[in-house]
Amino acid sequence: MLDQILDELITAVRGASAAIFVDGDGEAIVQAGETKKDIKLLGAWKEIHLDRIKEITGSLGLGSVKAVLFSLDEGNELIVPVDPDYCLILFMSSYADILHAMTELDKAIALIKKDIE
């Protein structure tokens, strides 16, 4: 089921090339899409970044992190916490519609939460 959720997410977001669902230790649970990049390694690295960002925003009293966007030369990486122990990362082109991607990520997260409960 998780594979299907990620496949549908990639299809729904124009410009999306890959997605990965990662646990709190940075381990890939499932991935989909283009695998030219080592998205397992990128997923682990981005999960570490997300943890640090959550710690800093918490200590500053800025509230909870809803998403983190890395905008790079080769495209965008949008990281969204699923719950305290998981995150979902969507790899997209620089021209992908971020607002639409967030909407589709919200839908995917709702389905993932049902699947992992």
Foldseek 3Di string as FASTA:
>chain_A
DLAVLFVVLQVQWPFWAKKFKAWLQLATPDMDGDPPDPVSVVSSVVSVVQVVVQVVCVVVVVDGDAWDWDQDPQFIWIWGALDNTMIMIITGHNPIDVVSSSVSVVVSSVVVVVVVD
